[in-house]
PDB file of N, CA and C in Angstrom:
ATOM      1  N   MET A   1     178.728  42.905  13.106  1.00  0.00           N
ATOM      2  CA  MET A   1     177.915  43.750  13.961  1.00  0.00           C
ATOM      3  C   MET A   1     178.615  45.041  14.317  1.00  0.00           C
ATOM      4  N   GLY A   2     179.908  45.117  14.103  1.00  0.00           N
ATOM      5  CA  GLY A   2     180.628  46.340  14.402  1.00  0.00           C
ATOM      6  C   GLY A   2     181.174  46.414  15.807  1.00  0.00           C
ATOM      7  N   GLY A   3     180.908  45.414  16.617  1.00  0.00           N
ATOM      8  CA  GLY A   3     181.411  45.408  17.977  1.00  0.00           C
ATOM      9  C   GLY A   3     182.810  44.839  18.045  1.00  0.00           C
ATOM     10  N   TYR A   4     183.360  44.799  19.233  1.00  0.00           N
ATOM     11  CA  TYR A   4     184.712  44.290  19.415  1.00  0.00           C
ATOM     12  C   TYR A   4     184.726  43.334  20.594  1.00  0.00           C
ATOM     13  N   VAL A   5     185.339  42.199  20.386  1.00  0.00           N
ATOM     14  CA  VAL A   5     185.540  41.237  21.464  1.00  0.00           C
ATOM     15  C   VAL A   5     187.045  41.035  21.583  1.00  0.00           C
ATOM     16  N   ASP A   6     187.565  41.234  22.770  1.00  0.00           N
ATOM     17  CA  ASP A   6     188.993  41.036  23.015  1.00  0.00           C
ATOM     18  C   ASP A   6     189.354  39.601  22.642  1.00  0.00           C
ATOM     19  N   PRO A   7     190.288  39.410  21.729  1.00  0.00           N
ATOM     20  CA  PRO A   7     190.659  38.053  21.308  1.00  0.00           C
ATOM     21  C   PRO A   7     191.063  37.128  22.453  1.00  0.00           C
ATOM     22  N   SER A   8     191.587  37.684  23.527  1.00  0.00           N
ATOM     23  CA  SER A   8     191.995  36.832  24.657  1.00  0.00           C
ATOM     24  C   SER A   8     190.785  36.177  25.332  1.00  0.00           C
ATOM     25  N   LEU A   9     189.587  36.714  25.105  1.00  0.00           N
ATOM     26  CA  LEU A   9     188.384  36.150  25.711  1.00  0.00           C
ATOM     27  C   LEU A   9     187.772  35.037  24.872  1.00  0.00           C
ATOM     28  N   THR A  10     188.253  34.895  23.645  1.00  0.00           N
ATOM     29  CA  THR A  10     187.664  33.894  22.757  1.00  0.00           C
ATOM     30  C   THR A  10     188.667  32.846  22.281  1.00  0.00           C
ATOM     31  N   VAL A  11     189.844  32.815  22.902  1.00  0.00           N
ATOM     32  CA  VAL A  11     190.826  31.804  22.517  1.00  0.00           C
ATOM     33  C   VAL A  11     190.313  30.419  22.910  1.00  0.00           C
ATOM     34  N   TRP A  12     190.797  29.427  22.218  1.00  0.00           N
ATOM     35  CA  TRP A  12     190.366  28.048  22.444  1.00  0.00           C
ATOM     36  C   TRP A  12     190.494  27.654  23.914  1.00  0.00           C
ATOM     37  N   GLU A  13     191.600  28.068  24.530  1.00  0.00           N
ATOM     38  CA  GLU A  13     191.862  27.690  25.919  1.00  0.00           C
ATOM     39  C   GLU A  13     190.848  28.278  26.901  1.00  0.00           C
ATOM     40  N   ALA A  14     190.213  29.392  26.540  1.00  0.00           N
ATOM     41  CA  ALA A  14     189.218  30.013  27.424  1.00  0.00           C
ATOM     42  C   ALA A  14     187.935  29.197  27.465  1.00  0.00           C
ATOM     43  N   GLY A  15     187.689  28.447  26.410  1.00  0.00           N
ATOM     44  CA  GLY A  15     186.511  27.588  26.366  1.00  0.00           C
ATOM     45  C   GLY A  15     185.323  28.246  25.686  1.00  0.00           C
ATOM     46  N   ARG A  16     184.425  27.397  25.249  1.00  0.00           N
ATOM     47  CA  ARG A  16     183.239  27.841  24.512  1.00  0.00           C
ATOM     48  C   ARG A  16     182.355  28.775  25.340  1.00  0.00           C
ATOM     49  N   ASP A  17     182.094  28.431  26.586  1.00  0.00           N
ATOM     50  CA  ASP A  17     181.203  29.255  27.419  1.00  0.00           C
ATOM     51  C   ASP A  17     181.741  30.673  27.581  1.00  0.00           C
ATOM     52  N   ALA A  18     183.057  30.798  27.766  1.00  0.00           N
ATOM     53  CA  ALA A  18     183.662  32.129  27.903  1.00  0.00           C
ATOM     54  C   ALA A  18     183.537  32.918  26.602  1.00  0.00           C
ATOM     55  N   ALA A  19     183.733  32.261  25.481  1.00  0.00           N
ATOM     56  CA  ALA A  19     183.616  32.927  24.186  1.00  0.00           C
ATOM     57  C   ALA A  19     182.186  33.388  23.936  1.00  0.00           C
ATOM     58  N   ILE A  20     181.226  32.543  24.265  1.00  0.00           N
ATOM     59  CA  ILE A  20     179.811  32.908  24.095  1.00  0.00           C
ATOM     60  C   ILE A  20     179.471  34.101  24.980  1.00  0.00           C
ATOM     61  N   GLN A  21     179.889  34.064  26.222  1.00  0.00           N
ATOM     62  CA  GLN A  21     179.586  35.163  27.145  1.00  0.00           C
ATOM     63  C   GLN A  21     180.217  36.474  26.677  1.00  0.00           C
ATOM     64  N   ALA A  22     181.465  36.443  26.262  1.00  0.00           N
ATOM     65  CA  ALA A  22     182.143  37.656  25.789  1.00  0.00           C
ATOM     66  C   ALA A  22     181.455  38.207  24.547  1.00  0.00           C
ATOM     67  N   SER A  23     181.039  37.329  23.653  1.00  0.00           N
ATOM     68  CA  SER A  23     180.356  37.762  22.430  1.00  0.00           C
ATOM     69  C   SER A  23     178.998  38.375  22.742  1.00  0.00           C
ATOM     70  N   ARG A  24     178.275  37.768  23.660  1.00  0.00           N
ATOM     71  CA  ARG A  24     176.965  38.308  24.041  1.00  0.00           C
ATOM     72  C   ARG A  24     177.094  39.689  24.692  1.00  0.00           C
ATOM     73  N   VAL A  25     178.074  39.834  25.569  1.00  0.00           N
ATOM     74  CA  VAL A  25     178.293  41.132  26.209  1.00  0.00           C
ATOM     75  C   VAL A  25     178.596  42.196  25.151  1.00  0.00           C
ATOM     76  N   ALA A  26     179.472  41.872  24.204  1.00  0.00           N
ATOM     77  CA  ALA A  26     179.822  42.834  23.144  1.00  0.00           C
ATOM     78  C   ALA A  26     178.611  43.182  22.295  1.00  0.00           C
ATOM     79  N   LEU A  27     177.829  42.192  21.926  1.00  0.00           N
ATOM     80  CA  LEU A  27     176.642  42.431  21.100  1.00  0.00           C
ATOM     81  C   LEU A  27     175.615  43.290  21.823  1.00  0.00           C
ATOM     82  N   LEU A  28     175.337  42.968  23.063  1.00  0.00           N
ATOM     83  CA  LEU A  28     174.358  43.741  23.831  1.00  0.00           C
ATOM     84  C   LEU A  28     174.840  45.165  24.077  1.00  0.00           C
ATOM     85  N   ASP A  29     176.122  45.341  24.398  1.00  0.00           N
ATOM     86  CA  ASP A  29     176.668  46.690  24.587  1.00  0.00           C
ATOM     87  C   ASP A  29     176.544  47.506  23.309  1.00  0.00           C
ATOM     88  N   TYR A  30     176.859  46.883  22.186  1.00  0.00           N
ATOM     89  CA  TYR A  30     176.753  47.568  20.891  1.00  0.00           C
ATOM     90  C   TYR A  30     175.310  47.982  20.623  1.00  0.00           C
ATOM     91  N   ALA A  31     174.381  47.063  20.840  1.00  0.00           N
ATOM     92  CA  ALA A  31     172.974  47.368  20.587  1.00  0.00           C
ATOM     93  C   ALA A  31     172.467  48.485  21.506  1.00  0.00           C
ATOM     94  N   ARG A  32     172.866  48.458  22.765  1.00  0.00           N
ATOM     95  CA  ARG A  32     172.416  49.489  23.708  1.00  0.00           C
ATOM     96  C   ARG A  32     172.948  50.878  23.358  1.00  0.00           C
ATOM     97  N   THR A  33     174.188  50.944  22.876  1.00  0.00           N
ATOM     98  CA  THR A  33     174.808  52.244  22.651  1.00  0.00           C
ATOM     99  C   THR A  33     174.640  52.782  21.235  1.00  0.00           C
ATOM    100  N   ARG A  34     174.393  51.905  20.251  1.00  0.00           N
ATOM    101  CA  ARG A  34     174.387  52.379  18.867  1.00  0.00           C
ATOM    102  C   ARG A  34     173.095  52.141  18.108  1.00  0.00           C
ATOM    103  N   LEU A  35     172.215  51.348  18.632  1.00  0.00           N
ATOM    104  CA  LEU A  35     170.967  51.053  17.933  1.00  0.00           C
ATOM    105  C   LEU A  35     169.785  51.549  18.747  1.00  0.00           C
ATOM    106  N   THR A  36     168.667  51.640  18.110  1.00  0.00           N
ATOM    107  CA  THR A  36     167.473  52.126  18.800  1.00  0.00           C
ATOM    108  C   THR A  36     166.529  50.977  19.126  1.00  0.00           C
ATOM    109  N   VAL A  37     167.112  49.882  19.576  1.00  0.00           N
ATOM    110  CA  VAL A  37     166.318  48.713  19.933  1.00  0.00           C
ATOM    111  C   VAL A  37     166.673  48.283  21.342  1.00  0.00           C
ATOM    112  N   GLY A  38     165.727  47.626  21.981  1.00  0.00           N
ATOM    113  CA  GLY A  38     166.003  47.017  23.271  1.00  0.00           C
ATOM    114  C   GLY A  38     166.567  45.628  23.009  1.00  0.00           C
ATOM    115  N   PRO A  39     167.836  45.405  23.289  1.00  0.00           N
ATOM    116  CA  PRO A  39     168.449  44.134  22.919  1.00  0.00           C
ATOM    117  C   PRO A  39     167.988  42.966  23.788  1.00  0.00           C
ATOM    118  N   THR A  40     167.574  41.917  23.126  1.00  0.00           N
ATOM    119  CA  THR A  40     167.216  40.672  23.792  1.00  0.00           C
ATOM    120  C   THR A  40     167.763  39.532  22.949  1.00  0.00           C
ATOM    121  N   ILE A  41     168.542  38.677  23.533  1.00  0.00           N
ATOM    122  CA  ILE A  41     169.055  37.516  22.810  1.00  0.00           C
ATOM    123  C   ILE A  41     167.977  36.443  22.845  1.00  0.00           C
ATOM    124  N   VAL A  42     167.562  36.006  21.667  1.00  0.00           N
ATOM    125  CA  VAL A  42     166.523  34.985  21.580  1.00  0.00           C
ATOM    126  C   VAL A  42     167.073  33.638  21.099  1.00  0.00           C
ATOM    127  N   ASP A  43     168.248  33.661  20.481  1.00  0.00           N
ATOM    128  CA  ASP A  43     168.863  32.436  20.004  1.00  0.00           C
ATOM    129  C   ASP A  43     170.318  32.740  19.682  1.00  0.00           C
ATOM    130  N   SER A  44     171.098  31.739  19.422  1.00  0.00           N
ATOM    131  CA  SER A  44     172.495  31.981  19.087  1.00  0.00           C
ATOM    132  C   SER A  44     172.994  30.921  18.119  1.00  0.00           C
ATOM    133  N   VAL A  45     174.043  31.283  17.412  1.00  0.00           N
ATOM    134  CA  VAL A  45     174.751  30.376  16.522  1.00  0.00           C
ATOM    135  C   VAL A  45     176.213  30.437  16.935  1.00  0.00           C
ATOM    136  N   TYR A  46     176.816  29.296  17.153  1.00  0.00           N
ATOM    137  CA  TYR A  46     178.209  29.248  17.569  1.00  0.00           C
ATOM    138  C   TYR A  46     179.072  28.869  16.378  1.00  0.00           C
ATOM    139  N   CYS A  47     180.027  29.716  16.062  1.00  0.00           N
ATOM    140  CA  CYS A  47     180.929  29.469  14.939  1.00  0.00           C
ATOM    141  C   CYS A  47     182.360  29.407  15.446  1.00  0.00           C
ATOM    142  N   THR A  48     183.083  28.437  14.983  1.00  0.00           N
ATOM    143  CA  THR A  48     184.494  28.334  15.302  1.00  0.00           C
ATOM    144  C   THR A  48     185.275  28.862  14.108  1.00  0.00           C
ATOM    145  N   THR A  49     186.128  29.822  14.335  1.00  0.00           N
ATOM    146  CA  THR A  49     186.892  30.392  13.238  1.00  0.00           C
ATOM    147  C   THR A  49     188.207  29.658  13.051  1.00  0.00           C
ATOM    148  N   VAL A  50     188.773  29.819  11.889  1.00  0.00           N
ATOM    149  CA  VAL A  50     190.065  29.229  11.581  1.00  0.00           C
ATOM    150  C   VAL A  50     191.128  30.275  11.925  1.00  0.00           C
ATOM    151  N   PRO A  51     192.040  29.977  12.859  1.00  0.00           N
ATOM    152  CA  PRO A  51     193.058  30.952  13.240  1.00  0.00           C
ATOM    153  C   PRO A  51     193.886  31.417  12.046  1.00  0.00           C
ATOM    154  N   ASN A  52     194.144  32.712  12.013  1.00  0.00           N
ATOM    155  CA  ASN A  52     195.007  33.329  11.004  1.00  0.00           C
ATOM    156  C   ASN A  52     194.523  33.158   9.570  1.00  0.00           C
ATOM    157  N   LEU A  53     193.225  32.948   9.388  1.00  0.00           N
ATOM    158  CA  LEU A  53     192.683  32.829   8.043  1.00  0.00           C
ATOM    159  C   LEU A  53     192.790  34.156   7.311  1.00  0.00           C
ATOM    160  N   GLY A  54     192.605  35.238   8.058  1.00  0.00           N
ATOM    161  CA  GLY A  54     192.701  36.567   7.458  1.00  0.00           C
ATOM    162  C   GLY A  54     191.496  36.886   6.597  1.00  0.00           C
ATOM    163  N   ASP A  55     191.468  38.108   6.110  1.00  0.00           N
ATOM    164  CA  ASP A  55     190.378  38.493   5.223  1.00  0.00           C
ATOM    165  C   ASP A  55     190.496  37.700   3.937  1.00  0.00           C
ATOM    166  N   GLY A  56     189.416  37.251   3.472  1.00  0.00           N
ATOM    167  CA  GLY A  56     189.428  36.483   2.235  1.00  0.00           C
ATOM    168  C   GLY A  56     188.216  35.591   2.164  1.00  0.00           C
ATOM    169  N   VAL A  57     188.032  35.046   1.017  1.00  0.00           N
ATOM    170  CA  VAL A  57     186.885  34.174   0.793  1.00  0.00           C
ATOM    171  C   VAL A  57     187.373  32.921   0.070  1.00  0.00           C
ATOM    172  N   ASN A  58     186.818  31.795   0.463  1.00  0.00           N
ATOM    173  CA  ASN A  58     187.190  30.515  -0.126  1.00  0.00           C
ATOM    174  C   ASN A  58     185.925  29.752  -0.489  1.00  0.00           C
ATOM    175  N   PHE A  59     185.991  29.039  -1.576  1.00  0.00           N
ATOM    176  CA  PHE A  59     184.864  28.245  -2.040  1.00  0.00           C
ATOM    177  C   PHE A  59     185.306  26.805  -2.217  1.00  0.00           C
ATOM    178  N   ARG A  60     184.434  25.889  -1.909  1.00  0.00           N
ATOM    179  CA  ARG A  60     184.657  24.474  -2.167  1.00  0.00           C
ATOM    180  C   ARG A  60     183.351  23.900  -2.702  1.00  0.00           C
ATOM    181  N   ARG A  61     183.462  23.054  -3.718  1.00  0.00           N
ATOM    182  CA  ARG A  61     182.282  22.434  -4.297  1.00  0.00           C
ATOM    183  C   ARG A  61     182.456  20.926  -4.288  1.00  0.00           C
ATOM    184  N   SER A  62     181.369  20.233  -3.977  1.00  0.00           N
ATOM    185  CA  SER A  62     181.294  18.786  -4.085  1.00  0.00           C
ATOM    186  C   SER A  62     179.951  18.480  -4.723  1.00  0.00           C
ATOM    187  N   GLY A  63     179.981  18.239  -6.003  1.00  0.00           N
ATOM    188  CA  GLY A  63     178.726  18.016  -6.727  1.00  0.00           C
ATOM    189  C   GLY A  63     177.856  19.259  -6.653  1.00  0.00           C
ATOM    190  N   PRO A  64     176.606  19.095  -6.232  1.00  0.00           N
ATOM    191  CA  PRO A  64     175.709  20.248  -6.183  1.00  0.00           C
ATOM    192  C   PRO A  64     175.899  21.148  -4.956  1.00  0.00           C
ATOM    193  N   VAL A  65     176.744  20.730  -4.023  1.00  0.00           N
ATOM    194  CA  VAL A  65     176.926  21.485  -2.788  1.00  0.00           C
ATOM    195  C   VAL A  65     178.100  22.461  -2.944  1.00  0.00           C
ATOM    196  N   LEU A  66     177.810  23.733  -2.722  1.00  0.00           N
ATOM    197  CA  LEU A  66     178.828  24.778  -2.767  1.00  0.00           C
ATOM    198  C   LEU A  66     178.962  25.366  -1.371  1.00  0.00           C
ATOM    199  N   ALA A  67     180.170  25.316  -0.825  1.00  0.00           N
ATOM    200  CA  ALA A  67     180.426  25.883   0.502  1.00  0.00           C
ATOM    201  C   ALA A  67     181.306  27.108   0.354  1.00  0.00           C
ATOM    202  N   ILE A  68     181.042  28.097   1.178  1.00  0.00           N
ATOM    203  CA  ILE A  68     181.844  29.317   1.207  1.00  0.00           C
ATOM    204  C   ILE A  68     182.321  29.522   2.635  1.00  0.00           C
ATOM    205  N   TYR A  69     183.580  29.919   2.786  1.00  0.00           N
ATOM    206  CA  TYR A  69     184.087  30.196   4.123  1.00  0.00           C
ATOM    207  C   TYR A  69     185.174  31.258   4.045  1.00  0.00           C
ATOM    208  N   GLY A  70     185.392  31.914   5.155  1.00  0.00           N
ATOM    209  CA  GLY A  70     186.393  32.953   5.244  1.00  0.00           C
ATOM    210  C   GLY A  70     186.168  33.768   6.495  1.00  0.00           C
ATOM    211  N   ASP A  71     186.932  34.805   6.638  1.00  0.00           N
ATOM    212  CA  ASP A  71     186.838  35.661   7.813  1.00  0.00           C
ATOM    213  C   ASP A  71     186.336  37.027   7.370  1.00  0.00           C
ATOM    214  N   ASN A  72     185.455  37.624   8.133  1.00  0.00           N
ATOM    215  CA  ASN A  72     184.900  38.948   7.836  1.00  0.00           C
ATOM    216  C   ASN A  72     184.140  38.980   6.513  1.00  0.00           C
ATOM    217  N   LEU A  73     183.373  37.955   6.232  1.00  0.00           N
ATOM    218  CA  LEU A  73     182.670  37.878   4.950  1.00  0.00           C
ATOM    219  C   LEU A  73     181.492  38.842   4.844  1.00  0.00           C
ATOM    220  N   MET A  74     180.956  39.308   5.978  1.00  0.00           N
ATOM    221  CA  MET A  74     179.767  40.162   5.897  1.00  0.00           C
ATOM    222  C   MET A  74     180.019  41.409   5.069  1.00  0.00           C
ATOM    223  N   LYS A  75     181.244  41.928   5.076  1.00  0.00           N
ATOM    224  CA  LYS A  75     181.525  43.132   4.315  1.00  0.00           C
ATOM    225  C   LYS A  75     181.553  42.864   2.814  1.00  0.00           C
ATOM    226  N   LEU A  76     181.625  41.593   2.447  1.00  0.00           N
ATOM    227  CA  LEU A  76     181.646  41.217   1.038  1.00  0.00           C
ATOM    228  C   LEU A  76     180.279  40.739   0.546  1.00  0.00           C
ATOM    229  N   ALA A  77     179.256  40.875   1.373  1.00  0.00           N
ATOM    230  CA  ALA A  77     177.944  40.309   1.066  1.00  0.00           C
ATOM    231  C   ALA A  77     177.406  40.671  -0.314  1.00  0.00           C
ATOM    232  N   PRO A  78     177.425  41.924  -0.752  1.00  0.00           N
ATOM    233  CA  PRO A  78     176.859  42.210  -2.083  1.00  0.00           C
ATOM    234  C   PRO A  78     177.574  41.455  -3.207  1.00  0.00           C
ATOM    235  N   ALA A  79     178.880  41.432  -3.171  1.00  0.00           N
ATOM    236  CA  ALA A  79     179.632  40.728  -4.215  1.00  0.00           C
ATOM    237  C   ALA A  79     179.429  39.219  -4.097  1.00  0.00           C
ATOM    238  N   LEU A  80     179.415  38.702  -2.876  1.00  0.00           N
ATOM    239  CA  LEU A  80     179.228  37.270  -2.688  1.00  0.00           C
ATOM    240  C   LEU A  80     177.845  36.828  -3.146  1.00  0.00           C
ATOM    241  N   GLY A  81     176.861  37.643  -2.906  1.00  0.00           N
ATOM    242  CA  GLY A  81     175.507  37.314  -3.348  1.00  0.00           C
ATOM    243  C   GLY A  81     175.451  37.088  -4.849  1.00  0.00           C
ATOM    244  N   ARG A  82     176.075  37.979  -5.596  1.00  0.00           N
ATOM    245  CA  ARG A  82     176.096  37.835  -7.056  1.00  0.00           C
ATOM    246  C   ARG A  82     176.871  36.589  -7.477  1.00  0.00           C
ATOM    247  N   LEU A  83     178.050  36.378  -6.867  1.00  0.00           N
ATOM    248  CA  LEU A  83     178.860  35.201  -7.206  1.00  0.00           C
ATOM    249  C   LEU A  83     178.119  33.898  -6.913  1.00  0.00           C
ATOM    250  N   LEU A  84     177.493  33.832  -5.754  1.00  0.00           N
ATOM    251  CA  LEU A  84     176.798  32.610  -5.379  1.00  0.00           C
ATOM    252  C   LEU A  84     175.567  32.368  -6.240  1.00  0.00           C
ATOM    253  N   ALA A  85     174.845  33.431  -6.561  1.00  0.00           N
ATOM    254  CA  ALA A  85     173.675  33.281  -7.443  1.00  0.00           C
ATOM    255  C   ALA A  85     174.106  32.755  -8.806  1.00  0.00           C
ATOM    256  N   ASP A  86     175.173  33.314  -9.354  1.00  0.00           N
ATOM    257  CA  ASP A  86     175.676  32.839 -10.649  1.00  0.00           C
ATOM    258  C   ASP A  86     176.117  31.379 -10.558  1.00  0.00           C
ATOM    259  N   ALA A  87     176.779  31.019  -9.469  1.00  0.00           N
ATOM    260  CA  ALA A  87     177.265  29.645  -9.291  1.00  0.00           C
ATOM    261  C   ALA A  87     176.114  28.652  -9.200  1.00  0.00           C
ATOM    262  N   VAL A  88     175.026  29.053  -8.553  1.00  0.00           N
ATOM    263  CA  VAL A  88     173.868  28.175  -8.460  1.00  0.00           C
ATOM    264  C   VAL A  88     173.268  27.941  -9.838  1.00  0.00           C
ATOM    265  N   VAL A  89     173.199  28.995 -10.626  1.00  0.00           N
ATOM    266  CA  VAL A  89     172.594  28.898 -11.954  1.00  0.00           C
ATOM    267  C   VAL A  89     173.454  28.088 -12.926  1.00  0.00           C
ATOM    268  N   ASP A  90     174.760  28.369 -12.938  1.00  0.00           N
ATOM    269  CA  ASP A  90     175.589  27.729 -13.972  1.00  0.00           C
ATOM    270  C   ASP A  90     176.461  26.580 -13.463  1.00  0.00           C
ATOM    271  N   GLY A  91     176.400  26.273 -12.154  1.00  0.00           N
ATOM    272  CA  GLY A  91     177.153  25.146 -11.620  1.00  0.00           C
ATOM    273  C   GLY A  91     178.651  25.385 -11.460  1.00  0.00           C
ATOM    274  N   SER A  92     179.067  26.614 -11.570  1.00  0.00           N
ATOM    275  CA  SER A  92     180.499  26.936 -11.462  1.00  0.00           C
ATOM    276  C   SER A  92     180.938  27.022 -10.005  1.00  0.00           C
ATOM    277  N   THR A  93     182.237  27.103  -9.806  1.00  0.00           N
ATOM    278  CA  THR A  93     182.805  27.361  -8.489  1.00  0.00           C
ATOM    279  C   THR A  93     183.586  28.668  -8.596  1.00  0.00           C
ATOM    280  N   PRO A  94     183.147  29.707  -7.893  1.00  0.00           N
ATOM    281  CA  PRO A  94     183.835  31.012  -7.990  1.00  0.00           C
ATOM    282  C   PRO A  94     185.318  30.919  -7.624  1.00  0.00           C
TER     283      PRO A  94
END
């Protein structure tokens, strides 16, 4: 989304509720200042990140199920889309 959340607000010790609140504040502030929409949160998805994973992409396959994980993957979306589409068609693991 391009926003910033202070890492100290989302550490494990701060708890899930604190992380959700900090993320919502950052998202709403970003939307108010940079987008031309009236921000309203209608739903949420909670993701737990792997500490120190760094930028990168990882794939795991178990039979027909292909999982992808990593940090900051949104910036890789065009390339990942092609890789995943090819993997679905030919059964490979990128």
